[in-house]
Amino acid sequence: MDNNHFLSLHDLKFGYGARTIVNNVSMQFSRGQVVALFGGSGCGKTTLLKLIGGMLRPNAGKIVFEGREIQGLDRAALFAVRRRMGMLFQFGALFTDMTVFDNVAFPLREHTELSEALISDLVLMKLQAVGLRGAAQLKPSQISGGMARRVALARAVALDPPLLMYDEPFAGLDPISLGTIAQLIRKLNDALGATSILVTHDVHESLEIADYAYVLSPKGILAAGTPAELAASTDPEVRQFLDGQREGPVPFHYPSPPMAQAMGLQ
């Protein structure tokens, strides 16, 4: 990766009590890149997005976004920085009592002083980009889960932020929608000149559009590189995750005492 990083993570640590979730993680993100974060459930992928967005504070280390340390900002400064970030939450997080149109218009009404006429034009453009202009007046309960995910994507890019974060953007999508959304993420990133961070388990689709990827484990960063470099990896843990192997060094069960001991039989 080049040295033009506008977002960097330095030796981040985060956990709850004795349970460590993010362990000495350092990453760099440059403008214009799509970067994928892979790893098993519970290895801290979504937690990293929350740390970048200031929803959580690291126990140690620092996050530098556009030259400012996120963890040191007060409430007002943090809110200002967040306006330059777009977030697609894992389950969409749409306002259920608002129409599709009003969901996408929400950040524009909250953070700008644009006229309603201009907001309307911008919202319809964003909905057109995700193929849902015709659903503008429907409520979230009237559309499918995959369509709701596309509405959430339109809302995430409403302010044209330079940093876009996607938490499982492909979950629950049919194969056609998955491929379409993947390419849309790439096209939106390129059109905005932004940086996109994808937290995902969809290895194939993500590597099709990513410039760089990290593979995380409970120990920290297991591997990092371009899609071609990861595809050539011979590390057993990396191969197990990328190939979806059932057997390998990564256990299925969360650490626990033997079953007989747990049932009081020992």
C-alpha atoms as a PDB file:
ATOM      1  CA  MET A   1       0.000   0.000   0.000  1.00  0.00           C
ATOM      2  CA  ASP A   2       1.238   3.542  -0.653  1.00  0.00           C
ATOM      3  CA  ASN A   3       2.054   6.171   1.950  1.00  0.00           C
ATOM      4  CA  ASN A   4      -0.914   8.436   1.187  1.00  0.00           C
ATOM      5  CA  HIS A   5      -2.935   7.163   4.152  1.00  0.00           C
ATOM      6  CA  PHE A   6      -5.821   9.302   5.260  1.00  0.00           C
ATOM      7  CA  LEU A   7      -6.905   6.706   7.842  1.00  0.00           C
ATOM      8  CA  SER A   8      -4.517   4.683   9.969  1.00  0.00           C
ATOM      9  CA  LEU A   9      -4.835   2.451  13.018  1.00  0.00           C
ATOM     10  CA  HIS A  10      -1.848   2.141  15.323  1.00  0.00           C
ATOM     11  CA  ASP A  11      -1.443  -0.766  17.778  1.00  0.00           C
ATOM     12  CA  LEU A  12      -5.131  -0.822  18.669  1.00  0.00           C
ATOM     13  CA  LYS A  13      -6.288  -2.857  21.633  1.00  0.00           C
ATOM     14  CA  PHE A  14      -9.876  -3.251  22.780  1.00  0.00           C
ATOM     15  CA  GLY A  15     -11.714  -5.678  24.980  1.00  0.00           C
ATOM     16  CA  TYR A  16     -14.221  -6.124  27.771  1.00  0.00           C
ATOM     17  CA  GLY A  17     -12.472  -6.974  31.023  1.00  0.00           C
ATOM     18  CA  ALA A  18     -10.219  -9.972  30.517  1.00  0.00           C
ATOM     19  CA  ARG A  19     -11.737 -10.702  27.092  1.00  0.00           C
ATOM     20  CA  THR A  20      -9.588  -9.197  24.332  1.00  0.00           C
ATOM     21  CA  ILE A  21     -11.381  -8.547  21.027  1.00  0.00           C
ATOM     22  CA  VAL A  22      -8.919  -6.353  19.109  1.00  0.00           C
ATOM     23  CA  ASN A  23      -5.300  -7.266  19.750  1.00  0.00           C
ATOM     24  CA  ASN A  24      -2.452  -4.980  18.596  1.00  0.00           C
ATOM     25  CA  VAL A  25      -4.029  -4.158  15.233  1.00  0.00           C
ATOM     26  CA  SER A  26      -2.311  -1.697  12.896  1.00  0.00           C
ATOM     27  CA  MET A  27      -3.755  -0.886   9.457  1.00  0.00           C
ATOM     28  CA  GLN A  28      -3.447   1.807   6.801  1.00  0.00           C
ATOM     29  CA  PHE A  29      -6.121   2.934   4.349  1.00  0.00           C
ATOM     30  CA  SER A  30      -5.483   5.167   1.343  1.00  0.00           C
ATOM     31  CA  ARG A  31      -7.920   7.306  -0.624  1.00  0.00           C
ATOM     32  CA  GLY A  32      -9.561   5.525  -3.523  1.00  0.00           C
ATOM     33  CA  GLN A  33      -9.163   1.996  -2.150  1.00  0.00           C
ATOM     34  CA  VAL A  34     -11.689  -0.712  -1.377  1.00  0.00           C
ATOM     35  CA  VAL A  35     -10.312  -2.698   1.561  1.00  0.00           C
ATOM     36  CA  ALA A  36     -11.881  -5.940   2.812  1.00  0.00           C
ATOM     37  CA  LEU A  37     -11.678  -7.177   6.403  1.00  0.00           C
ATOM     38  CA  PHE A  38     -12.057 -10.951   6.667  1.00  0.00           C
ATOM     39  CA  GLY A  39     -12.018 -13.274   9.646  1.00  0.00           C
ATOM     40  CA  GLY A  40     -14.114 -15.619  11.699  1.00  0.00           C
ATOM     41  CA  SER A  41     -16.995 -14.454  13.863  1.00  0.00           C
ATOM     42  CA  GLY A  42     -15.846 -12.716  17.019  1.00  0.00           C
ATOM     43  CA  CYS A  43     -12.408 -11.651  15.797  1.00  0.00           C
ATOM     44  CA  GLY A  44     -13.177  -7.926  16.031  1.00  0.00           C
ATOM     45  CA  LYS A  45     -14.146  -6.874  12.494  1.00  0.00           C
ATOM     46  CA  THR A  46     -17.295  -4.937  13.395  1.00  0.00           C
ATOM     47  CA  THR A  47     -15.593  -3.666  16.549  1.00  0.00           C
ATOM     48  CA  LEU A  48     -12.929  -2.049  14.350  1.00  0.00           C
ATOM     49  CA  LEU A  49     -15.615  -0.111  12.459  1.00  0.00           C
ATOM     50  CA  LYS A  50     -17.104   1.073  15.750  1.00  0.00           C
ATOM     51  CA  LEU A  51     -13.666   2.174  16.949  1.00  0.00           C
ATOM     52  CA  ILE A  52     -13.052   4.108  13.720  1.00  0.00           C
ATOM     53  CA  GLY A  53     -16.457   5.791  14.031  1.00  0.00           C
ATOM     54  CA  GLY A  54     -15.841   6.707  17.666  1.00  0.00           C
ATOM     55  CA  MET A  55     -18.714   4.576  18.954  1.00  0.00           C
ATOM     56  CA  LEU A  56     -16.134   2.741  21.063  1.00  0.00           C
ATOM     57  CA  ARG A  57     -12.867   3.992  22.539  1.00  0.00           C
ATOM     58  CA  PRO A  58      -9.755   1.803  22.316  1.00  0.00           C
ATOM     59  CA  ASN A  59      -8.082   0.577  25.492  1.00  0.00           C
ATOM     60  CA  ALA A  60      -4.747   1.387  23.856  1.00  0.00           C
ATOM     61  CA  GLY A  61      -3.397   2.658  20.531  1.00  0.00           C
ATOM     62  CA  LYS A  62      -4.694   5.411  18.293  1.00  0.00           C
ATOM     63  CA  ILE A  63      -6.861   6.038  15.221  1.00  0.00           C
ATOM     64  CA  VAL A  64      -5.866   8.886  12.909  1.00  0.00           C
ATOM     65  CA  PHE A  65      -8.428  10.077  10.350  1.00  0.00           C
ATOM     66  CA  GLU A  66      -7.500  12.976   8.071  1.00  0.00           C
ATOM     67  CA  GLY A  67      -4.776  13.978  10.504  1.00  0.00           C
ATOM     68  CA  ARG A  68      -6.949  13.932  13.630  1.00  0.00           C
ATOM     69  CA  GLU A  69      -6.874  11.366  16.421  1.00  0.00           C
ATOM     70  CA  ILE A  70     -10.418  10.032  16.757  1.00  0.00           C
ATOM     71  CA  GLN A  71     -10.091   8.791  20.331  1.00  0.00           C
ATOM     72  CA  GLY A  72      -9.095  12.253  21.585  1.00  0.00           C
ATOM     73  CA  LEU A  73     -12.020  14.239  20.128  1.00  0.00           C
ATOM     74  CA  ASP A  74     -14.763  15.781  22.223  1.00  0.00           C
ATOM     75  CA  ARG A  75     -18.427  15.192  21.385  1.00  0.00           C
ATOM     76  CA  ALA A  76     -18.848  18.147  19.001  1.00  0.00           C
ATOM     77  CA  ALA A  77     -15.618  17.420  17.111  1.00  0.00           C
ATOM     78  CA  LEU A  78     -16.459  13.718  16.867  1.00  0.00           C
ATOM     79  CA  PHE A  79     -19.888  14.498  15.384  1.00  0.00           C
ATOM     80  CA  ALA A  80     -18.244  16.787  12.830  1.00  0.00           C
ATOM     81  CA  VAL A  81     -15.809  14.056  11.823  1.00  0.00           C
ATOM     82  CA  ARG A  82     -18.626  11.510  11.523  1.00  0.00           C
ATOM     83  CA  ARG A  83     -20.241  13.658   8.827  1.00  0.00           C
ATOM     84  CA  ARG A  84     -17.289  12.620   6.670  1.00  0.00           C
ATOM     85  CA  MET A  85     -18.032   8.952   7.255  1.00  0.00           C
ATOM     86  CA  GLY A  86     -20.823   6.833   5.825  1.00  0.00           C
ATOM     87  CA  MET A  87     -21.879   3.639   7.586  1.00  0.00           C
ATOM     88  CA  LEU A  88     -23.969   0.759   6.329  1.00  0.00           C
ATOM     89  CA  PHE A  89     -24.962  -1.197   9.419  1.00  0.00           C
ATOM     90  CA  GLN A  90     -25.211  -4.968   9.399  1.00  0.00           C
ATOM     91  CA  PHE A  91     -29.004  -5.008   9.526  1.00  0.00           C
ATOM     92  CA  GLY A  92     -29.656  -1.776   7.641  1.00  0.00           C
ATOM     93  CA  ALA A  93     -30.910   0.163  10.692  1.00  0.00           C
ATOM     94  CA  LEU A  94     -33.587   1.984   8.692  1.00  0.00           C
ATOM     95  CA  PHE A  95     -36.166   4.119  10.479  1.00  0.00           C
ATOM     96  CA  THR A  96     -39.262   1.921  10.271  1.00  0.00           C
ATOM     97  CA  ASP A  97     -41.779   4.764  10.530  1.00  0.00           C
ATOM     98  CA  MET A  98     -40.206   6.706   7.638  1.00  0.00           C
ATOM     99  CA  THR A  99     -40.549   6.104   3.935  1.00  0.00           C
ATOM    100  CA  VAL A 100     -37.592   4.968   1.847  1.00  0.00           C
ATOM    101  CA  PHE A 101     -37.305   8.543   0.563  1.00  0.00           C
ATOM    102  CA  ASP A 102     -37.232  10.063   4.050  1.00  0.00           C
ATOM    103  CA  ASN A 103     -34.659   7.523   5.275  1.00  0.00           C
ATOM    104  CA  VAL A 104     -32.234   8.609   2.572  1.00  0.00           C
ATOM    105  CA  ALA A 105     -33.118  12.285   3.053  1.00  0.00           C
ATOM    106  CA  PHE A 106     -32.500  12.111   6.820  1.00  0.00           C
ATOM    107  CA  PRO A 107     -28.711  12.834   6.842  1.00  0.00           C
ATOM    108  CA  LEU A 108     -29.166  15.597   4.261  1.00  0.00           C
ATOM    109  CA  ARG A 109     -31.831  17.291   6.391  1.00  0.00           C
ATOM    110  CA  GLU A 110     -29.816  16.846   9.589  1.00  0.00           C
ATOM    111  CA  HIS A 111     -26.397  17.939   8.365  1.00  0.00           C
ATOM    112  CA  THR A 112     -27.004  20.424   5.542  1.00  0.00           C
ATOM    113  CA  GLU A 113     -29.060  23.540   4.894  1.00  0.00           C
ATOM    114  CA  LEU A 114     -30.069  22.493   1.391  1.00  0.00           C
ATOM    115  CA  SER A 115     -33.542  23.310   0.111  1.00  0.00           C
ATOM    116  CA  GLU A 116     -36.151  20.551   0.046  1.00  0.00           C
ATOM    117  CA  ALA A 117     -36.181  20.755  -3.734  1.00  0.00           C
ATOM    118  CA  LEU A 118     -32.453  20.051  -3.937  1.00  0.00           C
ATOM    119  CA  ILE A 119     -32.672  17.347  -1.258  1.00  0.00           C
ATOM    120  CA  SER A 120     -35.421  15.683  -3.279  1.00  0.00           C
ATOM    121  CA  ASP A 121     -33.245  15.652  -6.396  1.00  0.00           C
ATOM    122  CA  LEU A 122     -30.272  14.215  -4.481  1.00  0.00           C
ATOM    123  CA  VAL A 123     -32.360  11.514  -2.811  1.00  0.00           C
ATOM    124  CA  LEU A 124     -33.870  10.409  -6.112  1.00  0.00           C
ATOM    125  CA  MET A 125     -30.377  10.275  -7.633  1.00  0.00           C
ATOM    126  CA  LYS A 126     -29.111   8.059  -4.779  1.00  0.00           C
ATOM    127  CA  LEU A 127     -32.147   5.789  -5.041  1.00  0.00           C
ATOM    128  CA  GLN A 128     -31.717   5.601  -8.810  1.00  0.00           C
ATOM    129  CA  ALA A 129     -28.123   4.468  -8.255  1.00  0.00           C
ATOM    130  CA  VAL A 130     -29.292   1.512  -6.122  1.00  0.00           C
ATOM    131  CA  GLY A 131     -32.245   0.712  -8.401  1.00  0.00           C
ATOM    132  CA  LEU A 132     -34.978   1.748  -5.978  1.00  0.00           C
ATOM    133  CA  ARG A 133     -36.272   5.124  -7.156  1.00  0.00           C
ATOM    134  CA  GLY A 134     -39.641   3.469  -7.737  1.00  0.00           C
ATOM    135  CA  ALA A 135     -39.819   2.421  -4.076  1.00  0.00           C
ATOM    136  CA  ALA A 136     -39.329   5.951  -2.706  1.00  0.00           C
ATOM    137  CA  GLN A 137     -42.715   6.188  -0.998  1.00  0.00           C
ATOM    138  CA  LEU A 138     -42.748   2.685   0.492  1.00  0.00           C
ATOM    139  CA  LYS A 139     -42.012   1.918   4.132  1.00  0.00           C
ATOM    140  CA  PRO A 140     -39.230  -0.511   5.134  1.00  0.00           C
ATOM    141  CA  SER A 141     -41.882  -3.067   6.102  1.00  0.00           C
ATOM    142  CA  GLN A 142     -43.114  -3.041   2.498  1.00  0.00           C
ATOM    143  CA  ILE A 143     -39.808  -3.997   0.889  1.00  0.00           C
ATOM    144  CA  SER A 144     -37.590  -7.070   1.081  1.00  0.00           C
ATOM    145  CA  GLY A 145     -34.525  -7.403   3.270  1.00  0.00           C
ATOM    146  CA  GLY A 146     -32.256  -7.131   0.246  1.00  0.00           C
ATOM    147  CA  MET A 147     -34.012  -3.972  -0.902  1.00  0.00           C
ATOM    148  CA  ALA A 148     -33.720  -2.513   2.608  1.00  0.00           C
ATOM    149  CA  ARG A 149     -29.972  -3.121   2.420  1.00  0.00           C
ATOM    150  CA  ARG A 150     -29.846  -1.120  -0.818  1.00  0.00           C
ATOM    151  CA  VAL A 151     -31.799   1.729   0.794  1.00  0.00           C
ATOM    152  CA  ALA A 152     -29.286   1.731   3.635  1.00  0.00           C
ATOM    153  CA  LEU A 153     -26.508   1.933   1.048  1.00  0.00           C
ATOM    154  CA  ALA A 154     -28.166   4.951  -0.578  1.00  0.00           C
ATOM    155  CA  ARG A 155     -28.422   6.618   2.842  1.00  0.00           C
ATOM    156  CA  ALA A 156     -24.762   5.844   3.642  1.00  0.00           C
ATOM    157  CA  VAL A 157     -23.592   7.732   0.543  1.00  0.00           C
ATOM    158  CA  ALA A 158     -26.124  10.565   0.797  1.00  0.00           C
ATOM    159  CA  LEU A 159     -23.510  13.088   1.961  1.00  0.00           C
ATOM    160  CA  ASP A 160     -20.816  11.807  -0.444  1.00  0.00           C
ATOM    161  CA  PRO A 161     -18.433  11.037   2.454  1.00  0.00           C
ATOM    162  CA  PRO A 162     -14.767  10.252   1.758  1.00  0.00           C
ATOM    163  CA  LEU A 163     -14.896   7.201   4.072  1.00  0.00           C
ATOM    164  CA  LEU A 164     -17.506   4.477   3.632  1.00  0.00           C
ATOM    165  CA  MET A 165     -17.800   1.558   6.047  1.00  0.00           C
ATOM    166  CA  TYR A 166     -19.877  -1.507   5.276  1.00  0.00           C
ATOM    167  CA  ASP A 167     -20.773  -4.093   7.919  1.00  0.00           C
ATOM    168  CA  GLU A 168     -21.734  -7.323   6.121  1.00  0.00           C
ATOM    169  CA  PRO A 169     -23.190  -5.528   3.058  1.00  0.00           C
ATOM    170  CA  PHE A 170     -23.933  -8.805   1.230  1.00  0.00           C
ATOM    171  CA  ALA A 171     -25.727 -10.701   4.009  1.00  0.00           C
ATOM    172  CA  GLY A 172     -29.189 -11.874   3.005  1.00  0.00           C
ATOM    173  CA  LEU A 173     -28.857 -10.908  -0.659  1.00  0.00           C
ATOM    174  CA  ASP A 174     -29.773 -13.226  -3.505  1.00  0.00           C
ATOM    175  CA  PRO A 175     -26.925 -14.030  -5.953  1.00  0.00           C
ATOM    176  CA  ILE A 176     -28.042 -11.429  -8.498  1.00  0.00           C
ATOM    177  CA  SER A 177     -28.385  -8.649  -5.915  1.00  0.00           C
ATOM    178  CA  LEU A 178     -25.103  -9.659  -4.281  1.00  0.00           C
ATOM    179  CA  GLY A 179     -23.118  -9.267  -7.476  1.00  0.00           C
ATOM    180  CA  THR A 180     -24.933  -6.042  -8.334  1.00  0.00           C
ATOM    181  CA  ILE A 181     -24.322  -4.478  -4.903  1.00  0.00           C
ATOM    182  CA  ALA A 182     -20.667  -5.522  -4.953  1.00  0.00           C
ATOM    183  CA  GLN A 183     -20.103  -3.749  -8.248  1.00  0.00           C
ATOM    184  CA  LEU A 184     -22.131  -0.768  -7.038  1.00  0.00           C
ATOM    185  CA  ILE A 185     -19.872  -0.430  -3.990  1.00  0.00           C
ATOM    186  CA  ARG A 186     -16.856  -0.400  -6.296  1.00  0.00           C
ATOM    187  CA  LYS A 187     -18.411   2.123  -8.687  1.00  0.00           C
ATOM    188  CA  LEU A 188     -19.578   4.443  -5.898  1.00  0.00           C
ATOM    189  CA  ASN A 189     -16.139   4.316  -4.326  1.00  0.00           C
ATOM    190  CA  ASP A 190     -14.479   5.251  -7.597  1.00  0.00           C
ATOM    191  CA  ALA A 191     -17.017   7.968  -8.400  1.00  0.00           C
ATOM    192  CA  LEU A 192     -16.592   9.605  -4.985  1.00  0.00           C
ATOM    193  CA  GLY A 193     -12.823   9.091  -4.849  1.00  0.00           C
ATOM    194  CA  ALA A 194     -13.525   7.606  -1.428  1.00  0.00           C
ATOM    195  CA  THR A 195     -12.163   4.755   0.639  1.00  0.00           C
ATOM    196  CA  SER A 196     -14.435   1.806   1.400  1.00  0.00           C
ATOM    197  CA  ILE A 197     -13.930  -0.690   4.212  1.00  0.00           C
ATOM    198  CA  LEU A 198     -15.883  -3.934   3.877  1.00  0.00           C
ATOM    199  CA  VAL A 199     -16.449  -6.224   6.839  1.00  0.00           C
ATOM    200  CA  THR A 200     -17.622  -9.406   5.187  1.00  0.00           C
ATOM    201  CA  HIS A 201     -17.665 -13.186   5.041  1.00  0.00           C
ATOM    202  CA  ASP A 202     -18.308 -13.207   1.282  1.00  0.00           C
ATOM    203  CA  VAL A 203     -14.762 -13.889   0.207  1.00  0.00           C
ATOM    204  CA  HIS A 204     -15.220 -14.363  -3.543  1.00  0.00           C
ATOM    205  CA  GLU A 205     -17.362 -11.285  -4.222  1.00  0.00           C
ATOM    206  CA  SER A 206     -15.235  -9.092  -1.965  1.00  0.00           C
ATOM    207  CA  LEU A 207     -11.936 -10.083  -3.538  1.00  0.00           C
ATOM    208  CA  GLU A 208     -13.452  -9.318  -6.951  1.00  0.00           C
ATOM    209  CA  ILE A 209     -13.755  -5.631  -6.029  1.00  0.00           C
ATOM    210  CA  ALA A 210     -11.116  -5.122  -3.297  1.00  0.00           C
ATOM    211  CA  ASP A 211      -7.700  -3.558  -3.782  1.00  0.00           C
ATOM    212  CA  TYR A 212      -6.386  -4.862  -0.491  1.00  0.00           C
ATOM    213  CA  ALA A 213      -7.537  -7.173   2.297  1.00  0.00           C
ATOM    214  CA  TYR A 214      -6.764  -8.102   5.875  1.00  0.00           C
ATOM    215  CA  VAL A 215      -7.503 -11.467   7.466  1.00  0.00           C
ATOM    216  CA  LEU A 216      -8.092 -11.131  11.209  1.00  0.00           C
ATOM    217  CA  SER A 217      -7.924 -13.666  14.001  1.00  0.00           C
ATOM    218  CA  PRO A 218      -8.278 -13.382  17.793  1.00  0.00           C
ATOM    219  CA  LYS A 219      -4.485 -12.996  17.888  1.00  0.00           C
ATOM    220  CA  GLY A 220      -4.513  -9.946  15.580  1.00  0.00           C
ATOM    221  CA  ILE A 221      -3.818  -9.628  11.862  1.00  0.00           C
ATOM    222  CA  LEU A 222      -3.265 -13.073  10.398  1.00  0.00           C
ATOM    223  CA  ALA A 223      -2.501 -11.958   6.839  1.00  0.00           C
ATOM    224  CA  ALA A 224      -2.670  -8.878   4.619  1.00  0.00           C
ATOM    225  CA  GLY A 225      -2.168  -8.238   0.942  1.00  0.00           C
ATOM    226  CA  THR A 226      -3.737  -7.784  -2.452  1.00  0.00           C
ATOM    227  CA  PRO A 227      -6.312 -10.346  -3.602  1.00  0.00           C
ATOM    228  CA  ALA A 228      -3.605 -12.056  -5.658  1.00  0.00           C
ATOM    229  CA  GLU A 229      -1.267 -12.215  -2.665  1.00  0.00           C
ATOM    230  CA  LEU A 230      -3.929 -13.715  -0.411  1.00  0.00           C
ATOM    231  CA  ALA A 231      -4.905 -16.238  -3.083  1.00  0.00           C
ATOM    232  CA  ALA A 232      -1.283 -17.422  -3.161  1.00  0.00           C
ATOM    233  CA  SER A 233      -1.053 -17.809   0.629  1.00  0.00           C
ATOM    234  CA  THR A 234      -0.126 -21.227   1.996  1.00  0.00           C
ATOM    235  CA  ASP A 235      -0.851 -20.355   5.641  1.00  0.00           C
ATOM    236  CA  PRO A 236      -3.221 -23.065   6.976  1.00  0.00           C
ATOM    237  CA  GLU A 237      -5.463 -20.602   8.858  1.00  0.00           C
ATOM    238  CA  VAL A 238      -5.728 -18.266   5.861  1.00  0.00           C
ATOM    239  CA  ARG A 239      -6.491 -21.156   3.528  1.00  0.00           C
ATOM    240  CA  GLN A 240      -9.108 -22.559   5.907  1.00  0.00           C
ATOM    241  CA  PHE A 241     -10.976 -19.258   5.951  1.00  0.00           C
ATOM    242  CA  LEU A 242     -10.657 -18.332   2.280  1.00  0.00           C
ATOM    243  CA  ASP A 243     -11.577 -21.841   1.107  1.00  0.00           C
ATOM    244  CA  GLY A 244     -14.289 -22.428   3.717  1.00  0.00           C
ATOM    245  CA  GLN A 245     -12.686 -25.628   4.990  1.00  0.00           C
ATOM    246  CA  ARG A 246     -14.521 -27.324   7.855  1.00  0.00           C
ATOM    247  CA  GLU A 247     -11.371 -28.905   9.261  1.00  0.00           C
ATOM    248  CA  GLY A 248      -8.258 -26.933  10.103  1.00  0.00           C
ATOM    249  CA  PRO A 249      -6.437 -24.942  12.776  1.00  0.00           C
ATOM    250  CA  VAL A 250      -9.419 -22.658  13.475  1.00  0.00           C
ATOM    251  CA  PRO A 251     -11.812 -24.428  15.910  1.00  0.00           C
ATOM    252  CA  PHE A 252     -15.589 -24.252  15.553  1.00  0.00           C
ATOM    253  CA  HIS A 253     -16.284 -24.240  19.303  1.00  0.00           C
ATOM    254  CA  TYR A 254     -15.689 -21.260  21.569  1.00  0.00           C
ATOM    255  CA  PRO A 255     -13.147 -22.211  24.261  1.00  0.00           C
ATOM    256  CA  SER A 256     -14.881 -24.106  27.068  1.00  0.00           C
ATOM    257  CA  PRO A 257     -14.224 -26.898  29.588  1.00  0.00           C
ATOM    258  CA  PRO A 258     -14.960 -30.502  28.557  1.00  0.00           C
ATOM    259  CA  MET A 259     -18.693 -31.286  28.245  1.00  0.00           C
ATOM    260  CA  ALA A 260     -18.542 -33.931  30.985  1.00  0.00           C
ATOM    261  CA  GLN A 261     -17.025 -31.383  33.376  1.00  0.00           C
ATOM    262  CA  ALA A 262     -19.666 -28.802  32.499  1.00  0.00           C
ATOM    263  CA  MET A 263     -22.409 -31.356  33.232  1.00  0.00           C
ATOM    264  CA  GLY A 264     -20.854 -32.268  36.563  1.00  0.00           C
ATOM    265  CA  LEU A 265     -19.864 -35.768  35.471  1.00  0.00           C
ATOM    266  CA  GLN A 266     -16.204 -35.288  36.319  1.00  0.00           C
END
